Amino acid sequence: MWDLAIWGRIAVQRLNAGASLVLLSQQVADLEREEDRLAVDPDRVPGTGHEGL
């Protein structure tokens, strides 16, 4: 991921036949930054009891 100086983030998502660039809004980017800071497991499944928190 790359943080944008103005607000959001750009993420690269691998696909079977290539890749996709995803532009994240400021709200989503801020949430992801906070999860990174708290070392939240990115593979967790919220609401299933397996959040990993």
PDB file of N, CA and C in Angstrom:
ATOM      1  N   MET A   1       0.825  -1.175   0.000  1.00  0.00           N
ATOM      2  CA  MET A   1       0.000   0.000   0.000  1.00  0.00           C
ATOM      3  C   MET A   1       0.871   1.240   0.000  1.00  0.00           C
ATOM      4  N   TRP A   2       0.326   2.275  -0.592  1.00  0.00           N
ATOM      5  CA  TRP A   2       0.993   3.568  -0.591  1.00  0.00           C
ATOM      6  C   TRP A   2       0.041   4.598   0.005  1.00  0.00           C
ATOM      7  N   ASP A   3       0.537   5.362   0.977  1.00  0.00           N
ATOM      8  CA  ASP A   3      -0.242   6.449   1.541  1.00  0.00           C
ATOM      9  C   ASP A   3      -0.153   7.652   0.618  1.00  0.00           C
ATOM     10  N   LEU A   4      -1.270   8.291   0.403  1.00  0.00           N
ATOM     11  CA  LEU A   4      -1.305   9.519  -0.387  1.00  0.00           C
ATOM     12  C   LEU A   4      -1.208  10.705   0.557  1.00  0.00           C
ATOM     13  N   ALA A   5      -0.453  11.694   0.185  1.00  0.00           N
ATOM     14  CA  ALA A   5      -0.228  12.865   1.045  1.00  0.00           C
ATOM     15  C   ALA A   5      -1.526  13.619   1.325  1.00  0.00           C
ATOM     16  N   ILE A   6      -2.496  13.544   0.438  1.00  0.00           N
ATOM     17  CA  ILE A   6      -3.707  14.334   0.607  1.00  0.00           C
ATOM     18  C   ILE A   6      -4.786  13.648   1.443  1.00  0.00           C
ATOM     19  N   TRP A   7      -4.844  12.306   1.486  1.00  0.00           N
ATOM     20  CA  TRP A   7      -5.886  11.680   2.304  1.00  0.00           C
ATOM     21  C   TRP A   7      -5.910  10.163   2.285  1.00  0.00           C
ATOM     22  N   GLY A   8      -5.980   9.537   1.176  1.00  0.00           N
ATOM     23  CA  GLY A   8      -6.264   8.107   1.119  1.00  0.00           C
ATOM     24  C   GLY A   8      -5.048   7.223   0.964  1.00  0.00           C
ATOM     25  N   ARG A   9      -5.307   6.070   0.408  1.00  0.00           N
ATOM     26  CA  ARG A   9      -4.279   5.070   0.151  1.00  0.00           C
ATOM     27  C   ARG A   9      -4.541   4.415  -1.187  1.00  0.00           C
ATOM     28  N   ILE A  10      -3.481   3.921  -1.785  1.00  0.00           N
ATOM     29  CA  ILE A  10      -3.604   3.091  -2.975  1.00  0.00           C
ATOM     30  C   ILE A  10      -3.131   1.696  -2.591  1.00  0.00           C
ATOM     31  N   ALA A  11      -3.935   0.702  -2.919  1.00  0.00           N
ATOM     32  CA  ALA A  11      -3.596  -0.687  -2.613  1.00  0.00           C
ATOM     33  C   ALA A  11      -3.521  -1.475  -3.922  1.00  0.00           C
ATOM     34  N   VAL A  12      -2.665  -2.468  -3.967  1.00  0.00           N
ATOM     35  CA  VAL A  12      -2.564  -3.363  -5.117  1.00  0.00           C
ATOM     36  C   VAL A  12      -3.170  -4.692  -4.711  1.00  0.00           C
ATOM     37  N   GLN A  13      -4.064  -5.190  -5.544  1.00  0.00           N
ATOM     38  CA  GLN A  13      -4.719  -6.472  -5.278  1.00  0.00           C
ATOM     39  C   GLN A  13      -4.336  -7.433  -6.397  1.00  0.00           C
ATOM     40  N   ARG A  14      -3.782  -8.585  -6.036  1.00  0.00           N
ATOM     41  CA  ARG A  14      -3.419  -9.585  -7.047  1.00  0.00           C
ATOM     42  C   ARG A  14      -4.664 -10.347  -7.486  1.00  0.00           C
ATOM     43  N   LEU A  15      -4.753 -10.551  -8.761  1.00  0.00           N
ATOM     44  CA  LEU A  15      -5.824 -11.337  -9.355  1.00  0.00           C
ATOM     45  C   LEU A  15      -5.192 -12.484 -10.129  1.00  0.00           C
ATOM     46  N   ASN A  16      -5.982 -13.470 -10.511  1.00  0.00           N
ATOM     47  CA  ASN A  16      -5.437 -14.618 -11.237  1.00  0.00           C
ATOM     48  C   ASN A  16      -4.717 -14.203 -12.517  1.00  0.00           C
ATOM     49  N   ALA A  17      -5.294 -13.275 -13.250  1.00  0.00           N
ATOM     50  CA  ALA A  17      -4.724 -12.901 -14.542  1.00  0.00           C
ATOM     51  C   ALA A  17      -4.038 -11.541 -14.525  1.00  0.00           C
ATOM     52  N   GLY A  18      -3.791 -10.976 -13.356  1.00  0.00           N
ATOM     53  CA  GLY A  18      -3.150  -9.671 -13.321  1.00  0.00           C
ATOM     54  C   GLY A  18      -3.239  -9.032 -11.960  1.00  0.00           C
ATOM     55  N   ALA A  19      -3.378  -7.714 -11.967  1.00  0.00           N
ATOM     56  CA  ALA A  19      -3.441  -6.976 -10.719  1.00  0.00           C
ATOM     57  C   ALA A  19      -4.436  -5.830 -10.870  1.00  0.00           C
ATOM     58  N   SER A  20      -4.889  -5.333  -9.738  1.00  0.00           N
ATOM     59  CA  SER A  20      -5.838  -4.224  -9.707  1.00  0.00           C
ATOM     60  C   SER A  20      -5.341  -3.185  -8.715  1.00  0.00           C
ATOM     61  N   LEU A  21      -5.416  -1.907  -9.090  1.00  0.00           N
ATOM     62  CA  LEU A  21      -5.112  -0.825  -8.168  1.00  0.00           C
ATOM     63  C   LEU A  21      -6.419  -0.374  -7.543  1.00  0.00           C
ATOM     64  N   VAL A  22      -6.438  -0.245  -6.216  1.00  0.00           N
ATOM     65  CA  VAL A  22      -7.640   0.141  -5.495  1.00  0.00           C
ATOM     66  C   VAL A  22      -7.350   1.430  -4.742  1.00  0.00           C
ATOM     67  N   LEU A  23      -8.157   2.447  -4.976  1.00  0.00           N
ATOM     68  CA  LEU A  23      -8.027   3.715  -4.273  1.00  0.00           C
ATOM     69  C   LEU A  23      -8.961   3.685  -3.076  1.00  0.00           C
ATOM     70  N   LEU A  24      -8.388   3.821  -1.877  1.00  0.00           N
ATOM     71  CA  LEU A  24      -9.173   3.788  -0.651  1.00  0.00           C
ATOM     72  C   LEU A  24      -9.497   5.198  -0.193  1.00  0.00           C
ATOM     73  N   SER A  25     -10.726   5.410   0.243  1.00  0.00           N
ATOM     74  CA  SER A  25     -11.142   6.729   0.721  1.00  0.00           C
ATOM     75  C   SER A  25     -10.390   7.085   1.998  1.00  0.00           C
ATOM     76  N   GLN A  26     -10.480   8.340   2.391  1.00  0.00           N
ATOM     77  CA  GLN A  26      -9.806   8.781   3.612  1.00  0.00           C
ATOM     78  C   GLN A  26     -10.289   7.991   4.819  1.00  0.00           C
ATOM     79  N   GLN A  27     -11.591   7.761   4.934  1.00  0.00           N
ATOM     80  CA  GLN A  27     -12.144   7.036   6.080  1.00  0.00           C
ATOM     81  C   GLN A  27     -11.609   5.606   6.134  1.00  0.00           C
ATOM     82  N   VAL A  28     -11.623   4.911   5.021  1.00  0.00           N
ATOM     83  CA  VAL A  28     -11.123   3.534   4.981  1.00  0.00           C
ATOM     84  C   VAL A  28      -9.615   3.513   5.215  1.00  0.00           C
ATOM     85  N   ALA A  29      -8.889   4.449   4.617  1.00  0.00           N
ATOM     86  CA  ALA A  29      -7.438   4.523   4.801  1.00  0.00           C
ATOM     87  C   ALA A  29      -7.095   4.770   6.266  1.00  0.00           C
ATOM     88  N   ASP A  30      -7.829   5.679   6.924  1.00  0.00           N
ATOM     89  CA  ASP A  30      -7.586   5.935   8.346  1.00  0.00           C
ATOM     90  C   ASP A  30      -7.842   4.690   9.183  1.00  0.00           C
ATOM     91  N   LEU A  31      -8.900   3.951   8.857  1.00  0.00           N
ATOM     92  CA  LEU A  31      -9.205   2.710   9.575  1.00  0.00           C
ATOM     93  C   LEU A  31      -8.079   1.700   9.387  1.00  0.00           C
ATOM     94  N   GLU A  32      -7.596   1.542   8.162  1.00  0.00           N
ATOM     95  CA  GLU A  32      -6.504   0.599   7.906  1.00  0.00           C
ATOM     96  C   GLU A  32      -5.216   1.020   8.613  1.00  0.00           C
ATOM     97  N   ARG A  33      -4.938   2.323   8.636  1.00  0.00           N
ATOM     98  CA  ARG A  33      -3.752   2.797   9.355  1.00  0.00           C
ATOM     99  C   ARG A  33      -3.843   2.464  10.839  1.00  0.00           C
ATOM    100  N   GLU A  34      -5.025   2.644  11.416  1.00  0.00           N
ATOM    101  CA  GLU A  34      -5.222   2.330  12.835  1.00  0.00           C
ATOM    102  C   GLU A  34      -5.070   0.828  13.078  1.00  0.00           C
ATOM    103  N   GLU A  35      -5.604  -0.003  12.190  1.00  0.00           N
ATOM    104  CA  GLU A  35      -5.434  -1.450  12.314  1.00  0.00           C
ATOM    105  C   GLU A  35      -3.965  -1.834  12.212  1.00  0.00           C
ATOM    106  N   ASP A  36      -3.229  -1.191  11.306  1.00  0.00           N
ATOM    107  CA  ASP A  36      -1.784  -1.443  11.191  1.00  0.00           C
ATOM    108  C   ASP A  36      -1.082  -1.075  12.494  1.00  0.00           C
ATOM    109  N   ARG A  37      -1.441   0.090  13.046  1.00  0.00           N
ATOM    110  CA  ARG A  37      -0.813   0.564  14.277  1.00  0.00           C
ATOM    111  C   ARG A  37      -1.081  -0.395  15.436  1.00  0.00           C
ATOM    112  N   LEU A  38      -2.285  -0.970  15.483  1.00  0.00           N
ATOM    113  CA  LEU A  38      -2.665  -1.886  16.566  1.00  0.00           C
ATOM    114  C   LEU A  38      -2.266  -3.337  16.278  1.00  0.00           C
ATOM    115  N   ALA A  39      -1.665  -3.587  15.127  1.00  0.00           N
ATOM    116  CA  ALA A  39      -1.238  -4.932  14.712  1.00  0.00           C
ATOM    117  C   ALA A  39      -2.410  -5.906  14.663  1.00  0.00           C
ATOM    118  N   VAL A  40      -3.548  -5.438  14.115  1.00  0.00           N
ATOM    119  CA  VAL A  40      -4.724  -6.293  13.950  1.00  0.00           C
ATOM    120  C   VAL A  40      -4.466  -7.242  12.784  1.00  0.00           C
ATOM    121  N   ASP A  41      -4.779  -8.524  12.970  1.00  0.00           N
ATOM    122  CA  ASP A  41      -4.563  -9.547  11.948  1.00  0.00           C
ATOM    123  C   ASP A  41      -5.417  -9.227  10.713  1.00  0.00           C
ATOM    124  N   PRO A  42      -4.817  -9.042   9.542  1.00  0.00           N
ATOM    125  CA  PRO A  42      -5.592  -8.715   8.345  1.00  0.00           C
ATOM    126  C   PRO A  42      -6.460  -9.871   7.853  1.00  0.00           C
ATOM    127  N   ASP A  43      -6.224 -11.095   8.339  1.00  0.00           N
ATOM    128  CA  ASP A  43      -7.001 -12.257   7.913  1.00  0.00           C
ATOM    129  C   ASP A  43      -8.187 -12.548   8.818  1.00  0.00           C
ATOM    130  N   ARG A  44      -8.439 -11.685   9.802  1.00  0.00           N
ATOM    131  CA  ARG A  44      -9.552 -11.928  10.709  1.00  0.00           C
ATOM    132  C   ARG A  44     -10.874 -11.805   9.953  1.00  0.00           C
ATOM    133  N   VAL A  45     -11.919 -12.427  10.505  1.00  0.00           N
ATOM    134  CA  VAL A  45     -13.254 -12.343   9.922  1.00  0.00           C
ATOM    135  C   VAL A  45     -14.157 -11.713  10.971  1.00  0.00           C
ATOM    136  N   PRO A  46     -14.399 -10.383  10.900  1.00  0.00           N
ATOM    137  CA  PRO A  46     -15.193  -9.703  11.918  1.00  0.00           C
ATOM    138  C   PRO A  46     -16.575 -10.309  12.077  1.00  0.00           C
ATOM    139  N   GLY A  47     -17.014 -10.428  13.329  1.00  0.00           N
ATOM    140  CA  GLY A  47     -18.354 -10.918  13.633  1.00  0.00           C
ATOM    141  C   GLY A  47     -18.481 -12.417  13.729  1.00  0.00           C
ATOM    142  N   THR A  48     -17.384 -13.165  13.547  1.00  0.00           N
ATOM    143  CA  THR A  48     -17.472 -14.628  13.589  1.00  0.00           C
ATOM    144  C   THR A  48     -16.872 -15.219  14.863  1.00  0.00           C
ATOM    145  N   GLY A  49     -16.347 -14.353  15.720  1.00  0.00           N
ATOM    146  CA  GLY A  49     -15.671 -14.855  16.911  1.00  0.00           C
ATOM    147  C   GLY A  49     -14.212 -15.172  16.662  1.00  0.00           C
ATOM    148  N   HIS A  50     -13.739 -14.917  15.439  1.00  0.00           N
ATOM    149  CA  HIS A  50     -12.349 -15.185  15.051  1.00  0.00           C
ATOM    150  C   HIS A  50     -11.651 -13.882  14.664  1.00  0.00           C
ATOM    151  N   GLU A  51     -11.973 -12.820  15.383  1.00  0.00           N
ATOM    152  CA  GLU A  51     -11.432 -11.511  15.050  1.00  0.00           C
ATOM    153  C   GLU A  51      -9.940 -11.404  15.324  1.00  0.00           C
ATOM    154  N   GLY A  52      -9.425 -12.239  16.192  1.00  0.00           N
ATOM    155  CA  GLY A  52      -7.997 -12.219  16.478  1.00  0.00           C
ATOM    156  C   GLY A  52      -7.561 -11.025  17.306  1.00  0.00           C
ATOM    157  N   LEU A  53      -8.495 -10.429  18.040  1.00  0.00           N
ATOM    158  CA  LEU A  53      -8.128  -9.285  18.862  1.00  0.00           C
ATOM    159  C   LEU A  53      -7.866  -9.721  20.282  1.00  0.00           C
TER     160      LEU A  53
END
